[in-house]
């Protein structure tokens, strides 16, 4: 069993392993990044490091109005490939999923060019996309 943070982008629910999240925070004032990938909303300081802030809404091609900044949250994400922040609409919950409760897709599913998924799991009568890893766009390596 692993613990996952459930967050939303629009009406869609996503789950990300807690072990990859260092912190959940409010969104600070971001510094624009010239010539950045369209997924990158800017940069911020985190523990004496400059890190990129990825807009998950843009990454998943979610249509619709972005919520007001004060209601959004940042997930500080780290894995063996780097450290960056993910901008999410809301944080819903922390839940434990058994590996057997995560159902693989019956066919190939692409959720953006930088998002690798494990499958889906049930959460409060809806399906949650379980994220395996997030990769910075090729020209945004840390």
Protein backbone atom coordinates (compact mmCIF):
# COMPACT_ATOMS: atom_id res chain seq x y z
CA UNK A 1 0.00 0.00 0.00
CA UNK A 2 1.14 3.51 -0.81
CA UNK A 3 -0.20 6.91 0.19
CA UNK A 4 -1.27 9.30 -2.55
CA UNK A 5 -2.21 12.96 -2.61
CA UNK A 6 -5.44 13.51 -4.54
CA UNK A 7 -5.57 16.84 -6.37
CA UNK A 8 -7.78 18.34 -9.03
CA UNK A 9 -7.38 20.15 -12.29
CA UNK A 10 -10.81 21.34 -13.35
CA UNK A 11 -13.15 18.39 -12.77
CA UNK A 12 -10.39 15.79 -13.23
CA UNK A 13 -8.85 14.02 -10.23
CA UNK A 14 -5.20 12.95 -10.10
CA UNK A 15 -3.20 10.98 -7.53
CA UNK A 16 0.51 11.32 -6.94
CA UNK A 17 2.64 9.26 -4.57
CA UNK A 18 3.31 11.15 -1.34
CA UNK A 19 6.94 10.02 -1.44
CA UNK A 20 7.53 12.36 -4.41
CA UNK A 21 6.02 15.40 -2.70
CA UNK A 22 8.30 17.37 -0.39
CA UNK A 23 5.78 20.02 0.50
CA UNK A 24 2.39 21.56 -0.32
CA UNK A 25 2.38 25.34 -0.33
CA UNK A 26 0.62 28.50 -1.45
CA UNK A 27 1.74 29.91 -4.79
CA UNK A 28 4.22 32.76 -4.33
CA UNK A 29 4.87 35.54 -6.78
CA UNK A 30 6.57 33.83 -9.72
CA UNK A 31 9.43 35.21 -11.77
CA UNK A 32 8.72 34.93 -15.50
CA UNK A 33 11.09 32.72 -17.48
CA UNK A 34 11.89 34.06 -20.98
CA UNK A 35 11.60 31.50 -23.81
CA UNK A 36 10.33 28.83 -21.40
CA UNK A 37 8.23 25.87 -22.45
CA UNK A 38 4.49 26.75 -22.44
CA UNK A 39 3.96 24.47 -19.39
CA UNK A 40 6.34 26.57 -17.28
CA UNK A 41 4.59 29.46 -15.50
CA UNK A 42 7.81 30.82 -14.03
CA UNK A 43 10.45 30.26 -11.37
CA UNK A 44 10.52 30.56 -7.59
CA UNK A 45 12.97 30.16 -4.72
CA UNK A 46 12.77 26.96 -2.68
CA UNK A 47 15.38 26.08 -0.04
CA UNK A 48 18.02 28.34 -1.60
CA UNK A 49 17.36 26.84 -5.06
CA UNK A 50 15.62 28.30 -8.07
CA UNK A 51 12.97 25.85 -9.27
CA UNK A 52 10.53 25.88 -12.16
CA UNK A 53 6.76 25.97 -11.62
CA UNK A 54 4.86 23.68 -13.99
CA UNK A 55 1.24 24.48 -14.80
CA UNK A 56 -0.47 21.07 -14.62
CA UNK A 57 -3.58 22.49 -16.31
CA UNK A 58 -1.51 23.34 -19.40
CA UNK A 59 0.38 20.05 -19.19
CA UNK A 60 -2.86 18.06 -19.43
CA UNK A 61 -4.49 20.38 -22.00
CA UNK A 62 -7.34 21.11 -19.57
CA UNK A 63 -9.74 23.62 -21.07
CA UNK A 64 -11.55 26.28 -19.11
CA UNK A 65 -10.76 29.13 -16.80
CA UNK A 66 -7.88 28.76 -14.39
CA UNK A 67 -9.03 29.30 -10.78
CA UNK A 68 -7.92 32.35 -8.87
CA UNK A 69 -4.34 32.13 -7.69
CA UNK A 70 -5.19 32.23 -3.97
CA UNK A 71 -7.16 28.95 -4.23
CA UNK A 72 -4.44 27.06 -6.13
CA UNK A 73 -1.69 25.04 -4.44
CA UNK A 74 1.87 24.10 -5.24
CA UNK A 75 3.12 20.55 -4.91
CA UNK A 76 6.90 20.58 -4.54
CA UNK A 77 7.84 17.46 -6.52
CA UNK A 78 11.14 15.61 -6.40
CA UNK A 79 12.28 12.38 -7.96
CA UNK A 80 15.59 11.08 -9.29
CA UNK A 81 15.27 13.37 -12.34
CA UNK A 82 14.89 16.67 -10.53
CA UNK A 83 13.04 19.11 -8.32
CA UNK A 84 10.24 21.42 -9.46
CA UNK A 85 6.81 22.69 -8.42
CA UNK A 86 3.44 21.61 -9.83
CA UNK A 87 0.55 24.06 -9.83
CA UNK A 88 -2.75 22.33 -8.96
CA UNK A 89 -6.29 23.72 -8.68
CA UNK A 90 -7.09 22.10 -5.31
CA UNK A 91 -5.80 19.44 -2.93
CA UNK A 92 -8.60 17.03 -2.00
CA UNK A 93 -7.23 14.29 0.22
CA UNK A 94 -4.47 11.84 1.10
CA UNK A 95 -5.49 8.22 0.56
CA UNK A 96 -3.85 4.80 0.55
CA UNK A 97 -4.18 2.68 -2.58
CA UNK A 98 -3.17 -0.94 -2.74
CA UNK A 99 -1.34 -1.75 -5.99
CA UNK A 100 -4.17 -4.14 -6.92
CA UNK A 101 -6.71 -1.30 -6.72
CA UNK A 102 -4.90 0.64 -9.47
CA UNK A 103 -6.28 -0.62 -12.76
CA UNK A 104 -4.05 -0.46 -15.83
CA UNK A 105 -5.49 0.99 -19.00
CA UNK A 106 -6.78 -1.52 -21.54
CA UNK A 107 -5.19 0.58 -24.29
CA UNK A 108 -2.51 3.23 -24.53
CA UNK A 109 -3.55 6.51 -22.91
CA UNK A 110 -1.59 9.71 -23.31
CA UNK A 111 -2.08 12.44 -20.73
CA UNK A 112 0.24 15.06 -22.18
CA UNK A 113 3.81 14.69 -23.35
CA UNK A 114 5.43 14.85 -19.90
CA UNK A 115 3.05 12.83 -17.74
CA UNK A 116 3.48 9.09 -17.21
CA UNK A 117 0.52 7.35 -15.61
CA UNK A 118 0.05 3.95 -13.92
CA UNK A 119 -3.70 3.64 -14.44
CA UNK A 120 -6.84 4.65 -12.59
CA UNK A 121 -8.25 4.02 -9.13
CA UNK A 122 -11.65 4.62 -7.57
CA UNK A 123 -12.02 7.52 -5.18
CA UNK A 124 -15.41 8.58 -3.76
CA UNK A 125 -17.46 7.32 -6.75
CA UNK A 126 -15.12 8.80 -9.35
CA UNK A 127 -11.97 7.71 -11.12
CA UNK A 128 -8.57 9.15 -10.30
CA UNK A 129 -5.66 9.11 -12.74
CA UNK A 130 -2.69 7.68 -10.84
CA UNK A 131 0.55 9.39 -11.83
CA UNK A 132 3.72 7.33 -12.10
CA UNK A 133 6.08 10.22 -12.81
CA UNK A 134 6.28 13.70 -14.26
CA UNK A 135 9.07 14.69 -16.61
CA UNK A 136 10.08 18.26 -17.30
CA UNK A 137 9.74 19.22 -20.98
CA UNK A 138 12.94 18.45 -22.89
CA UNK A 139 14.18 22.05 -22.97
CA UNK A 140 13.43 22.59 -19.26
CA UNK A 141 15.77 20.06 -17.62
CA UNK A 142 16.84 21.17 -14.14
